[in-house]
Amino acid sequence: MPRGFQSFRHMNLLRILSDRRFGSTLEELARELEVTTRTVRRDLEVLDDLGCGIEWESNPETGERSV
């Protein structure tokens, strides 16, 4: 995958997160971006490494992770 597409996806992910007042699950983000939850997780790690302040929460009952 071309690097430019990843950058576009990162920017789109930031836009989605900033538009949502109460966050999203990894599954919701993956569905919206048309990628896997693993890709979303990696993208979130990149954004966090860049200083975007990504916060994660895990629900032990459902196993869902939300951002």
Protein backbone atom coordinates (compact mmCIF):
# COMPACT_ATOMS: atom_id res chain seq x y z
CA MET A 1 0.00 0.00 0.00
CA PRO A 2 1.40 3.41 -0.92
CA ARG A 3 2.54 5.56 1.99
CA GLY A 4 0.28 8.41 0.88
CA PHE A 5 -2.78 6.24 1.37
CA GLN A 6 -1.73 5.46 4.95
CA SER A 7 -1.31 9.17 5.66
CA PHE A 8 -4.75 9.85 4.22
CA ARG A 9 -6.22 7.09 6.41
CA HIS A 10 -4.48 8.52 9.50
CA MET A 11 -5.92 11.96 8.79
CA ASN A 12 -9.37 10.46 8.18
CA LEU A 13 -9.12 8.53 11.45
CA LEU A 14 -8.28 11.71 13.36
CA ARG A 15 -11.23 13.48 11.73
CA ILE A 16 -13.61 10.67 12.69
CA LEU A 17 -12.38 10.65 16.28
CA SER A 18 -12.61 14.42 16.64
CA ASP A 19 -16.17 14.42 15.25
CA ARG A 20 -17.37 11.81 17.75
CA ARG A 21 -18.13 13.14 21.17
CA PHE A 22 -18.20 9.80 22.97
CA GLY A 23 -15.58 7.81 21.07
CA SER A 24 -15.82 4.66 18.99
CA THR A 25 -14.98 0.99 19.25
CA LEU A 26 -12.22 -0.47 17.13
CA GLU A 27 -14.87 -2.44 15.27
CA GLU A 28 -16.83 0.72 14.40
CA LEU A 29 -13.70 2.48 13.19
CA ALA A 30 -12.62 -0.52 11.13
CA ARG A 31 -16.04 -0.73 9.48
CA GLU A 32 -16.06 2.98 8.65
CA LEU A 33 -12.50 2.96 7.28
CA GLU A 34 -13.02 -0.39 5.51
CA VAL A 35 -9.98 -1.98 7.15
CA THR A 36 -9.39 -4.58 9.87
CA THR A 37 -9.34 -3.83 13.58
CA ARG A 38 -5.64 -4.72 13.52
CA THR A 39 -5.02 -1.93 10.99
CA VAL A 40 -6.98 0.53 13.14
CA ARG A 41 -4.96 -0.48 16.19
CA ARG A 42 -1.69 0.05 14.31
CA ASP A 43 -2.87 3.41 12.95
CA LEU A 44 -3.85 4.52 16.45
CA GLU A 45 -0.42 3.51 17.75
CA VAL A 46 1.23 5.59 15.00
CA LEU A 47 -0.94 8.59 15.85
CA ASP A 48 -0.20 8.18 19.55
CA ASP A 49 3.55 7.98 18.82
CA LEU A 50 3.20 11.24 16.90
CA GLY A 51 1.78 12.89 20.01
CA CYS A 52 -1.93 12.91 19.14
CA GLY A 53 -2.90 11.78 22.65
CA ILE A 54 -4.94 8.71 21.78
CA GLU A 55 -6.72 7.21 24.80
CA TRP A 56 -7.89 3.58 24.89
CA GLU A 57 -10.38 1.84 27.13
CA SER A 58 -11.05 -1.88 27.35
CA ASN A 59 -14.32 -3.47 28.42
CA PRO A 60 -13.41 -6.72 30.20
CA GLU A 61 -16.96 -8.05 29.88
CA THR A 62 -17.24 -7.73 26.10
CA GLY A 63 -13.58 -7.58 25.13
CA GLU A 64 -14.30 -4.44 23.09
CA ARG A 65 -11.77 -1.65 22.99
CA SER A 66 -12.89 1.90 22.52
CA VAL A 67 -11.05 5.05 21.63
